[in-house]
Amino acid sequence: IEDIKKISNKWNDIQSKYNKTQSGKLIYECESVAEKIVIDLKLDRIITNSKEIFENMKNISDAEVEFSKEENLLDMYDIEKQIEKSTERKIWLNCGGFITIDKTEALTAIDVNTGKFTGKKDLEATIFKVNKEATIEIAKQLRLRDIDGIIIIDYIDMKLEERVNLLMKCLKKQLQDICPNF
């Protein structure tokens, strides 16, 4: 409803300017890339190192807007590494395990593996740790890669039902974070 109101107000402004101007004059200019992103996404926080964007975002966004003197924000948040990860088939997890993502026309298959991670004592705890870390990374990758449709996740088998339930709760929470209607 809010989006419809904003678009309706924008349209009314354009119509009003059109009625008041002579032909051949610019009456509306499309938003910048930054503005389009802010309009399309519901963001909580925006950080920019551009004073122009900072001032503009304060006026058009409900998000918390911060100005950073950091020259390269990509380095500050390790964005380049995240972009690189979004193109790789195999993604290593911090614990030493990894996931592989194979996208086909029909579906996306995601496989979870322990990789180098062997854990300290309990094999079931090791498997749960890898599966949980993989769940968090899978949710990030689904959003980064804009993956939808049929998604099959092949977790490492767990024997304890309470851990399976915890993992499914974690998956649901992670998916709700990227898709509130899930």
N, C-alpha and C. Protein backbone atom coordinates (compact mmCIF):
# COMPACT_ATOMS: atom_id res chain seq x y z
N ILE A 1 0.84 -1.19 0.00
CA ILE A 1 0.00 0.00 0.00
C ILE A 1 0.87 1.25 0.00
N GLU A 2 1.95 1.21 0.82
CA GLU A 2 2.87 2.36 0.86
C GLU A 2 3.51 2.60 -0.50
N ASP A 3 3.91 1.51 -1.16
CA ASP A 3 4.53 1.63 -2.49
C ASP A 3 3.54 2.24 -3.49
N ILE A 4 2.30 1.78 -3.43
CA ILE A 4 1.28 2.31 -4.35
C ILE A 4 1.07 3.80 -4.10
N LYS A 5 1.04 4.19 -2.84
CA LYS A 5 0.87 5.62 -2.51
C LYS A 5 2.03 6.45 -3.04
N LYS A 6 3.27 5.93 -2.86
CA LYS A 6 4.45 6.66 -3.35
C LYS A 6 4.41 6.81 -4.88
N ILE A 7 4.07 5.71 -5.56
CA ILE A 7 4.00 5.76 -7.02
C ILE A 7 2.89 6.69 -7.47
N SER A 8 1.76 6.64 -6.80
CA SER A 8 0.64 7.51 -7.14
C SER A 8 1.02 8.98 -6.94
N ASN A 9 1.69 9.29 -5.84
CA ASN A 9 2.14 10.66 -5.59
C ASN A 9 3.14 11.11 -6.64
N LYS A 10 4.06 10.21 -7.00
CA LYS A 10 5.05 10.53 -8.03
C LYS A 10 4.34 10.82 -9.36
N TRP A 11 3.37 9.97 -9.70
CA TRP A 11 2.62 10.17 -10.94
C TRP A 11 1.87 11.50 -10.92
N ASN A 12 1.25 11.84 -9.81
CA ASN A 12 0.54 13.12 -9.70
C ASN A 12 1.48 14.30 -9.86
N ASP A 13 2.69 14.19 -9.29
CA ASP A 13 3.70 15.24 -9.45
C ASP A 13 4.10 15.39 -10.91
N ILE A 14 4.30 14.27 -11.58
CA ILE A 14 4.68 14.30 -13.00
C ILE A 14 3.56 14.93 -13.82
N GLN A 15 2.33 14.52 -13.57
CA GLN A 15 1.18 15.08 -14.29
C GLN A 15 1.08 16.60 -14.07
N SER A 16 1.27 17.02 -12.84
CA SER A 16 1.20 18.44 -12.50
C SER A 16 2.28 19.23 -13.23
N LYS A 17 3.52 18.71 -13.21
CA LYS A 17 4.62 19.38 -13.91
C LYS A 17 4.35 19.42 -15.42
N TYR A 18 3.81 18.35 -15.95
CA TYR A 18 3.50 18.29 -17.38
C TYR A 18 2.48 19.35 -17.76
N ASN A 19 1.46 19.49 -16.95
CA ASN A 19 0.41 20.47 -17.24
C ASN A 19 0.90 21.91 -17.13
N LYS A 20 1.95 22.14 -16.35
CA LYS A 20 2.46 23.50 -16.14
C LYS A 20 3.59 23.88 -17.09
N THR A 21 4.19 22.92 -17.80
CA THR A 21 5.35 23.22 -18.62
C THR A 21 5.01 23.23 -20.10
N GLN A 22 5.93 23.85 -20.84
CA GLN A 22 5.82 23.82 -22.29
C GLN A 22 6.43 22.52 -22.78
N SER A 23 6.03 22.11 -23.95
CA SER A 23 6.57 20.86 -24.48
C SER A 23 8.07 21.01 -24.74
N GLY A 24 8.78 19.90 -24.67
CA GLY A 24 10.21 19.90 -24.94
C GLY A 24 11.06 20.10 -23.70
N LYS A 25 10.45 20.21 -22.52
CA LYS A 25 11.21 20.37 -21.28
C LYS A 25 11.17 19.08 -20.47
N LEU A 26 12.27 18.81 -19.78
CA LEU A 26 12.34 17.64 -18.92
C LEU A 26 11.43 17.85 -17.71
N ILE A 27 10.52 16.91 -17.51
CA ILE A 27 9.62 17.03 -16.36
C ILE A 27 9.88 15.96 -15.30
N TYR A 28 10.59 14.91 -15.69
CA TYR A 28 10.90 13.85 -14.73
C TYR A 28 12.19 13.16 -15.15
N GLU A 29 13.03 12.89 -14.18
CA GLU A 29 14.26 12.15 -14.44
C GLU A 29 14.28 10.93 -13.53
N CYS A 30 14.60 9.79 -14.11
CA CYS A 30 14.63 8.52 -13.38
C CYS A 30 15.62 8.61 -12.22
N GLU A 31 15.34 7.84 -11.18
CA GLU A 31 16.22 7.82 -10.01
C GLU A 31 17.60 7.27 -10.37
N SER A 32 18.56 7.60 -9.53
CA SER A 32 19.90 7.03 -9.68
C SER A 32 19.85 5.55 -9.30
N VAL A 33 20.93 4.83 -9.58
CA VAL A 33 20.99 3.42 -9.23
C VAL A 33 20.80 3.24 -7.72
N ALA A 34 21.44 4.10 -6.95
CA ALA A 34 21.33 4.01 -5.49
C ALA A 34 19.88 4.21 -5.05
N GLU A 35 19.19 5.17 -5.65
CA GLU A 35 17.79 5.41 -5.30
C GLU A 35 16.92 4.22 -5.68
N LYS A 36 17.17 3.62 -6.84
CA LYS A 36 16.38 2.46 -7.26
C LYS A 36 16.55 1.31 -6.27
N ILE A 37 17.77 1.10 -5.80
CA ILE A 37 18.03 0.02 -4.85
C ILE A 37 17.25 0.28 -3.56
N VAL A 38 17.30 1.52 -3.08
CA VAL A 38 16.62 1.86 -1.83
C VAL A 38 15.11 1.72 -1.99
N ILE A 39 14.59 2.10 -3.13
CA ILE A 39 13.15 2.00 -3.37
C ILE A 39 12.72 0.53 -3.46
N ASP A 40 13.51 -0.29 -4.14
CA ASP A 40 13.14 -1.70 -4.36
C ASP A 40 13.34 -2.57 -3.12
N LEU A 41 14.34 -2.27 -2.31
CA LEU A 41 14.64 -3.10 -1.14
C LEU A 41 14.23 -2.37 0.14
N LYS A 42 13.79 -3.12 1.09
CA LYS A 42 13.49 -2.55 2.41
C LYS A 42 14.75 -2.69 3.25
N LEU A 43 15.53 -1.61 3.32
CA LEU A 43 16.82 -1.65 4.01
C LEU A 43 16.70 -1.05 5.40
N ASP A 44 17.43 -1.62 6.34
CA ASP A 44 17.47 -1.08 7.70
C ASP A 44 18.56 -0.04 7.85
N ARG A 45 19.66 -0.24 7.09
CA ARG A 45 20.83 0.61 7.28
C ARG A 45 21.53 0.81 5.94
N ILE A 46 21.97 2.04 5.69
CA ILE A 46 22.70 2.37 4.47
C ILE A 46 23.98 3.07 4.88
N ILE A 47 25.11 2.59 4.33
CA ILE A 47 26.40 3.23 4.59
C ILE A 47 26.96 3.65 3.24
N THR A 48 27.37 4.91 3.14
CA THR A 48 27.93 5.40 1.89
C THR A 48 29.13 6.29 2.18
N ASN A 49 30.03 6.39 1.20
CA ASN A 49 31.15 7.32 1.34
C ASN A 49 30.99 8.49 0.37
N SER A 50 29.79 8.64 -0.18
CA SER A 50 29.47 9.75 -1.07
C SER A 50 28.56 10.72 -0.33
N LYS A 51 29.01 11.98 -0.21
CA LYS A 51 28.19 12.97 0.49
C LYS A 51 26.88 13.23 -0.25
N GLU A 52 26.94 13.20 -1.58
CA GLU A 52 25.74 13.43 -2.39
C GLU A 52 24.70 12.33 -2.13
N ILE A 53 25.14 11.08 -2.16
CA ILE A 53 24.23 9.96 -1.91
C ILE A 53 23.74 10.01 -0.47
N PHE A 54 24.63 10.34 0.47
CA PHE A 54 24.26 10.44 1.88
C PHE A 54 23.10 11.42 2.06
N GLU A 55 23.24 12.61 1.50
CA GLU A 55 22.18 13.63 1.62
C GLU A 55 20.89 13.18 0.96
N ASN A 56 21.02 12.59 -0.22
CA ASN A 56 19.84 12.14 -0.96
C ASN A 56 19.11 11.01 -0.22
N MET A 57 19.87 10.06 0.31
CA MET A 57 19.27 8.91 1.00
C MET A 57 18.54 9.33 2.28
N LYS A 58 19.07 10.35 2.96
CA LYS A 58 18.39 10.84 4.17
C LYS A 58 16.98 11.33 3.83
N ASN A 59 16.82 11.85 2.60
CA ASN A 59 15.52 12.40 2.21
C ASN A 59 14.55 11.36 1.67
N ILE A 60 15.06 10.27 1.09
CA ILE A 60 14.14 9.32 0.44
C ILE A 60 14.00 7.99 1.17
N SER A 61 14.81 7.73 2.18
CA SER A 61 14.79 6.41 2.82
C SER A 61 14.41 6.50 4.29
N ASP A 62 13.71 5.47 4.74
CA ASP A 62 13.40 5.35 6.17
C ASP A 62 14.53 4.66 6.92
N ALA A 63 15.50 4.15 6.18
CA ALA A 63 16.61 3.43 6.79
C ALA A 63 17.55 4.38 7.52
N GLU A 64 18.33 3.80 8.44
CA GLU A 64 19.39 4.56 9.11
C GLU A 64 20.49 4.80 8.07
N VAL A 65 20.84 6.07 7.84
CA VAL A 65 21.83 6.41 6.82
C VAL A 65 23.09 6.92 7.51
N GLU A 66 24.24 6.30 7.15
CA GLU A 66 25.52 6.68 7.76
C GLU A 66 26.50 7.11 6.68
N PHE A 67 27.32 8.08 7.02
CA PHE A 67 28.39 8.52 6.12
C PHE A 67 29.70 7.95 6.66
N SER A 68 30.47 7.32 5.77
CA SER A 68 31.75 6.74 6.16
C SER A 68 32.88 7.45 5.42
N LYS A 69 33.95 7.74 6.13
CA LYS A 69 35.12 8.35 5.50
C LYS A 69 36.01 7.30 4.86
N GLU A 70 35.68 6.03 5.10
CA GLU A 70 36.43 4.91 4.50
C GLU A 70 36.42 5.06 2.99
N GLU A 71 37.59 5.00 2.39
CA GLU A 71 37.69 5.21 0.94
C GLU A 71 37.06 4.07 0.15
N ASN A 72 37.30 2.83 0.59
CA ASN A 72 36.77 1.70 -0.16
C ASN A 72 35.87 0.87 0.75
N LEU A 73 34.56 1.07 0.63
CA LEU A 73 33.61 0.33 1.45
C LEU A 73 33.60 -1.16 1.11
N LEU A 74 34.02 -1.50 -0.10
CA LEU A 74 34.08 -2.91 -0.47
C LEU A 74 35.06 -3.66 0.42
N ASP A 75 36.20 -3.02 0.73
CA ASP A 75 37.18 -3.64 1.62
C ASP A 75 36.65 -3.71 3.06
N MET A 76 35.96 -2.67 3.45
CA MET A 76 35.44 -2.58 4.81
C MET A 76 34.53 -3.76 5.14
N TYR A 77 33.75 -4.21 4.19
CA TYR A 77 32.80 -5.29 4.42
C TYR A 77 33.13 -6.56 3.63
N ASP A 78 34.32 -6.62 3.08
CA ASP A 78 34.78 -7.80 2.37
C ASP A 78 33.82 -8.20 1.24
N ILE A 79 33.26 -7.19 0.56
CA ILE A 79 32.26 -7.39 -0.49
C ILE A 79 32.85 -8.15 -1.67
N GLU A 80 34.08 -7.83 -2.05
CA GLU A 80 34.67 -8.50 -3.21
C GLU A 80 34.77 -10.00 -2.98
N LYS A 81 35.08 -10.41 -1.75
CA LYS A 81 35.14 -11.83 -1.43
C LYS A 81 33.75 -12.45 -1.55
N GLN A 82 32.72 -11.72 -1.10
CA GLN A 82 31.35 -12.23 -1.20
C GLN A 82 30.91 -12.36 -2.66
N ILE A 83 31.29 -11.39 -3.49
CA ILE A 83 30.96 -11.46 -4.91
C ILE A 83 31.64 -12.66 -5.55
N GLU A 84 32.91 -12.87 -5.21
CA GLU A 84 33.65 -14.01 -5.74
C GLU A 84 32.98 -15.32 -5.31
N LYS A 85 32.57 -15.40 -4.05
CA LYS A 85 31.90 -16.60 -3.54
C LYS A 85 30.61 -16.88 -4.31
N SER A 86 29.94 -15.82 -4.74
CA SER A 86 28.64 -16.00 -5.40
C SER A 86 28.76 -16.58 -6.80
N THR A 87 29.98 -16.70 -7.31
CA THR A 87 30.15 -17.26 -8.64
C THR A 87 30.80 -18.65 -8.61
N GLU A 88 31.27 -19.05 -7.45
CA GLU A 88 31.96 -20.33 -7.32
C GLU A 88 30.96 -21.47 -7.10
N ARG A 89 31.32 -22.65 -7.59
CA ARG A 89 30.50 -23.85 -7.36
C ARG A 89 30.71 -24.35 -5.93
N LYS A 90 31.97 -24.35 -5.48
CA LYS A 90 32.31 -24.85 -4.15
C LYS A 90 32.57 -23.65 -3.23
N ILE A 91 31.90 -23.65 -2.09
CA ILE A 91 32.06 -22.57 -1.13
C ILE A 91 32.51 -23.16 0.20
N TRP A 92 33.70 -22.73 0.63
CA TRP A 92 34.25 -23.23 1.89
C TRP A 92 33.58 -22.51 3.05
N LEU A 93 33.32 -23.25 4.11
CA LEU A 93 32.75 -22.71 5.33
C LEU A 93 33.88 -22.42 6.31
N ASN A 94 33.64 -21.56 7.28
CA ASN A 94 34.67 -21.21 8.25
C ASN A 94 35.14 -22.42 9.05
N CYS A 95 34.26 -23.38 9.28
CA CYS A 95 34.62 -24.55 10.08
C CYS A 95 35.50 -25.55 9.31
N GLY A 96 35.64 -25.37 8.00
CA GLY A 96 36.44 -26.30 7.20
C GLY A 96 35.60 -27.17 6.29
N GLY A 97 34.30 -27.20 6.53
CA GLY A 97 33.39 -27.91 5.64
C GLY A 97 33.15 -27.08 4.39
N PHE A 98 32.33 -27.59 3.47
CA PHE A 98 32.00 -26.81 2.28
C PHE A 98 30.66 -27.22 1.72
N ILE A 99 30.11 -26.35 0.89
CA ILE A 99 28.89 -26.68 0.15
C ILE A 99 29.20 -26.55 -1.33
N THR A 100 28.48 -27.33 -2.14
CA THR A 100 28.56 -27.17 -3.58
C THR A 100 27.17 -26.82 -4.08
N ILE A 101 27.11 -25.91 -5.04
CA ILE A 101 25.84 -25.47 -5.60
C ILE A 101 25.85 -25.77 -7.09
N ASP A 102 24.91 -26.60 -7.52
CA ASP A 102 24.76 -26.95 -8.93
C ASP A 102 23.37 -26.54 -9.39
N LYS A 103 23.34 -25.60 -10.32
CA LYS A 103 22.07 -25.09 -10.82
C LYS A 103 21.79 -25.70 -12.19
N THR A 104 20.59 -26.25 -12.36
CA THR A 104 20.16 -26.77 -13.65
C THR A 104 18.88 -26.03 -14.04
N GLU A 105 18.34 -26.35 -15.21
CA GLU A 105 17.07 -25.73 -15.61
C GLU A 105 15.94 -26.11 -14.68
N ALA A 106 15.95 -27.33 -14.18
CA ALA A 106 14.83 -27.83 -13.39
C ALA A 106 14.92 -27.50 -11.91
N LEU A 107 16.14 -27.44 -11.37
CA LEU A 107 16.27 -27.25 -9.93
C LEU A 107 17.69 -26.83 -9.57
N THR A 108 17.86 -26.47 -8.32
CA THR A 108 19.19 -26.18 -7.78
C THR A 108 19.48 -27.21 -6.69
N ALA A 109 20.62 -27.90 -6.83
CA ALA A 109 21.02 -28.90 -5.84
C ALA A 109 22.18 -28.34 -5.03
N ILE A 110 22.05 -28.43 -3.70
CA ILE A 110 23.10 -27.96 -2.80
C ILE A 110 23.52 -29.13 -1.93
N ASP A 111 24.81 -29.43 -1.94
CA ASP A 111 25.35 -30.55 -1.19
C ASP A 111 26.24 -30.03 -0.08
N VAL A 112 26.08 -30.57 1.11
CA VAL A 112 26.87 -30.17 2.28
C VAL A 112 27.89 -31.27 2.58
N ASN A 113 29.15 -30.88 2.79
CA ASN A 113 30.23 -31.84 3.06
C ASN A 113 31.07 -31.37 4.24
N THR A 114 31.63 -32.33 5.00
CA THR A 114 32.47 -31.98 6.15
C THR A 114 33.83 -31.46 5.71
N GLY A 115 34.29 -31.84 4.53
CA GLY A 115 35.57 -31.34 4.04
C GLY A 115 36.71 -31.64 4.98
N LYS A 116 37.43 -30.59 5.38
CA LYS A 116 38.61 -30.72 6.25
C LYS A 116 38.23 -30.81 7.72
N PHE A 117 36.96 -30.54 8.05
CA PHE A 117 36.55 -30.45 9.44
C PHE A 117 36.26 -31.84 10.00
N THR A 118 36.99 -32.22 11.04
CA THR A 118 36.78 -33.52 11.67
C THR A 118 36.27 -33.39 13.10
N GLY A 119 36.25 -32.19 13.62
CA GLY A 119 35.75 -31.98 14.98
C GLY A 119 36.73 -32.45 16.03
N LYS A 120 36.34 -32.30 17.29
CA LYS A 120 37.23 -32.64 18.39
C LYS A 120 36.90 -34.02 18.97
N LYS A 121 35.63 -34.26 19.33
CA LYS A 121 35.28 -35.50 20.01
C LYS A 121 34.10 -36.20 19.34
N ASP A 122 32.99 -35.54 19.33
CA ASP A 122 31.71 -36.14 18.99
C ASP A 122 31.40 -35.95 17.50
N LEU A 123 31.30 -37.05 16.75
CA LEU A 123 31.02 -36.99 15.32
C LEU A 123 29.67 -36.32 15.05
N GLU A 124 28.67 -36.62 15.85
CA GLU A 124 27.33 -36.03 15.66
C GLU A 124 27.38 -34.51 15.85
N ALA A 125 28.15 -34.04 16.84
CA ALA A 125 28.31 -32.59 17.07
C ALA A 125 29.03 -31.94 15.89
N THR A 126 30.02 -32.64 15.36
CA THR A 126 30.76 -32.13 14.19
C THR A 126 29.83 -31.97 13.00
N ILE A 127 29.04 -32.99 12.75
CA ILE A 127 28.10 -32.96 11.62
C ILE A 127 27.09 -31.84 11.81
N PHE A 128 26.57 -31.69 13.04
CA PHE A 128 25.60 -30.63 13.30
C PHE A 128 26.22 -29.25 13.06
N LYS A 129 27.45 -29.07 13.52
CA LYS A 129 28.13 -27.78 13.33
C LYS A 129 28.29 -27.45 11.84
N VAL A 130 28.71 -28.40 11.05
CA VAL A 130 28.87 -28.18 9.61
C VAL A 130 27.51 -27.89 8.97
N ASN A 131 26.50 -28.69 9.30
CA ASN A 131 25.17 -28.49 8.72
C ASN A 131 24.59 -27.11 9.08
N LYS A 132 24.81 -26.69 10.33
CA LYS A 132 24.28 -25.39 10.77
C LYS A 132 25.00 -24.25 10.05
N GLU A 133 26.32 -24.32 9.99
CA GLU A 133 27.08 -23.28 9.29
C GLU A 133 26.71 -23.26 7.81
N ALA A 134 26.51 -24.44 7.24
CA ALA A 134 26.10 -24.54 5.84
C ALA A 134 24.73 -23.89 5.64
N THR A 135 23.82 -24.08 6.58
CA THR A 135 22.48 -23.50 6.48
C THR A 135 22.54 -21.98 6.38
N ILE A 136 23.37 -21.37 7.19
CA ILE A 136 23.51 -19.91 7.18
C ILE A 136 24.10 -19.46 5.84
N GLU A 137 25.11 -20.17 5.36
CA GLU A 137 25.74 -19.82 4.08
C GLU A 137 24.78 -20.07 2.91
N ILE A 138 24.01 -21.12 2.98
CA ILE A 138 23.04 -21.42 1.91
C ILE A 138 22.04 -20.29 1.77
N ALA A 139 21.51 -19.81 2.90
CA ALA A 139 20.55 -18.71 2.84
C ALA A 139 21.18 -17.47 2.20
N LYS A 140 22.43 -17.16 2.56
CA LYS A 140 23.13 -16.02 1.94
C LYS A 140 23.27 -16.22 0.44
N GLN A 141 23.66 -17.43 0.05
CA GLN A 141 23.88 -17.71 -1.37
C GLN A 141 22.58 -17.67 -2.17
N LEU A 142 21.49 -18.12 -1.58
CA LEU A 142 20.21 -18.05 -2.27
C LEU A 142 19.85 -16.61 -2.61
N ARG A 143 20.12 -15.73 -1.66
CA ARG A 143 19.83 -14.32 -1.90
C ARG A 143 20.82 -13.70 -2.88
N LEU A 144 22.11 -13.94 -2.67
CA LEU A 144 23.14 -13.37 -3.53
C LEU A 144 22.97 -13.80 -4.98
N ARG A 145 22.64 -15.07 -5.18
CA ARG A 145 22.53 -15.61 -6.53
C ARG A 145 21.12 -15.51 -7.09
N ASP A 146 20.19 -15.01 -6.28
CA ASP A 146 18.79 -14.88 -6.69
C ASP A 146 18.24 -16.23 -7.13
N ILE A 147 18.47 -17.24 -6.31
CA ILE A 147 18.02 -18.61 -6.61
C ILE A 147 16.61 -18.80 -6.06
N ASP A 148 15.75 -19.32 -6.92
CA ASP A 148 14.40 -19.68 -6.48
C ASP A 148 13.98 -20.94 -7.20
N GLY A 149 12.74 -21.32 -7.06
CA GLY A 149 12.26 -22.54 -7.69
C GLY A 149 12.53 -23.73 -6.79
N ILE A 150 12.76 -24.87 -7.39
CA ILE A 150 13.00 -26.10 -6.63
C ILE A 150 14.45 -26.10 -6.15
N ILE A 151 14.60 -26.20 -4.83
CA ILE A 151 15.94 -26.21 -4.22
C ILE A 151 16.03 -27.47 -3.36
N ILE A 152 17.03 -28.28 -3.65
CA ILE A 152 17.24 -29.51 -2.88
C ILE A 152 18.55 -29.33 -2.10
N ILE A 153 18.46 -29.52 -0.79
CA ILE A 153 19.65 -29.43 0.06
C ILE A 153 19.94 -30.83 0.60
N ASP A 154 21.12 -31.33 0.29
CA ASP A 154 21.55 -32.64 0.76
C ASP A 154 22.48 -32.43 1.95
N TYR A 155 21.87 -32.42 3.15
CA TYR A 155 22.65 -32.26 4.38
C TYR A 155 23.40 -33.56 4.70
N ILE A 156 24.39 -33.44 5.55
CA ILE A 156 25.06 -34.62 6.08
C ILE A 156 24.08 -35.27 7.06
N ASP A 157 23.88 -36.58 6.94
CA ASP A 157 22.91 -37.29 7.77
C ASP A 157 23.24 -37.14 9.25
N MET A 158 22.16 -36.89 10.04
CA MET A 158 22.30 -36.79 11.49
C MET A 158 21.39 -37.84 12.13
N LYS A 159 21.83 -38.40 13.23
CA LYS A 159 21.07 -39.46 13.88
C LYS A 159 20.10 -38.93 14.93
N LEU A 160 20.49 -37.87 15.62
CA LEU A 160 19.67 -37.34 16.72
C LEU A 160 18.55 -36.44 16.19
N GLU A 161 17.32 -36.85 16.44
CA GLU A 161 16.17 -36.12 15.91
C GLU A 161 16.08 -34.69 16.44
N GLU A 162 16.49 -34.47 17.70
CA GLU A 162 16.42 -33.11 18.24
C GLU A 162 17.37 -32.16 17.49
N ARG A 163 18.51 -32.68 17.02
CA ARG A 163 19.42 -31.85 16.24
C ARG A 163 18.86 -31.60 14.84
N VAL A 164 18.19 -32.58 14.27
CA VAL A 164 17.53 -32.39 12.98
C VAL A 164 16.49 -31.29 13.12
N ASN A 165 15.70 -31.32 14.20
CA ASN A 165 14.68 -30.30 14.44
C ASN A 165 15.31 -28.92 14.62
N LEU A 166 16.42 -28.85 15.36
CA LEU A 166 17.12 -27.58 15.54
C LEU A 166 17.62 -27.03 14.20
N LEU A 167 18.13 -27.92 13.37
CA LEU A 167 18.63 -27.51 12.06
C LEU A 167 17.50 -26.98 11.18
N MET A 168 16.34 -27.65 11.23
CA MET A 168 15.20 -27.21 10.42
C MET A 168 14.68 -25.85 10.91
N LYS A 169 14.72 -25.62 12.23
CA LYS A 169 14.34 -24.31 12.78
C LYS A 169 15.31 -23.23 12.30
N CYS A 170 16.60 -23.57 12.30
CA CYS A 170 17.63 -22.64 11.83
C CYS A 170 17.40 -22.31 10.36
N LEU A 171 17.13 -23.33 9.55
CA LEU A 171 16.87 -23.11 8.12
C LEU A 171 15.66 -22.21 7.92
N LYS A 172 14.60 -22.48 8.65
CA LYS A 172 13.38 -21.67 8.52
C LYS A 172 13.65 -20.21 8.90
N LYS A 173 14.40 -20.00 9.99
CA LYS A 173 14.72 -18.63 10.41
C LYS A 173 15.56 -17.92 9.36
N GLN A 174 16.57 -18.61 8.83
CA GLN A 174 17.44 -18.00 7.82
C GLN A 174 16.64 -17.64 6.56
N LEU A 175 15.73 -18.51 6.16
CA LEU A 175 14.90 -18.24 4.98
C LEU A 175 13.91 -17.11 5.23
N GLN A 176 13.38 -17.02 6.46
CA GLN A 176 12.47 -15.93 6.78
C GLN A 176 13.20 -14.59 6.77
N ASP A 177 14.48 -14.61 7.13
CA ASP A 177 15.27 -13.37 7.09
C ASP A 177 15.41 -12.84 5.67
N ILE A 178 15.50 -13.74 4.69
CA ILE A 178 15.66 -13.28 3.30
C ILE A 178 14.32 -13.20 2.57
N CYS A 179 13.30 -13.89 3.10
CA CYS A 179 11.98 -13.89 2.47
C CYS A 179 10.94 -13.90 3.60
N PRO A 180 10.54 -12.72 4.09
CA PRO A 180 9.65 -12.64 5.25
C PRO A 180 8.35 -13.42 5.11
N ASN A 181 7.88 -13.68 3.90
CA ASN A 181 6.61 -14.40 3.71
C ASN A 181 6.79 -15.91 3.76
N PHE A 182 8.02 -16.40 3.98
CA PHE A 182 8.27 -17.84 3.99
C PHE A 182 7.59 -18.49 5.15
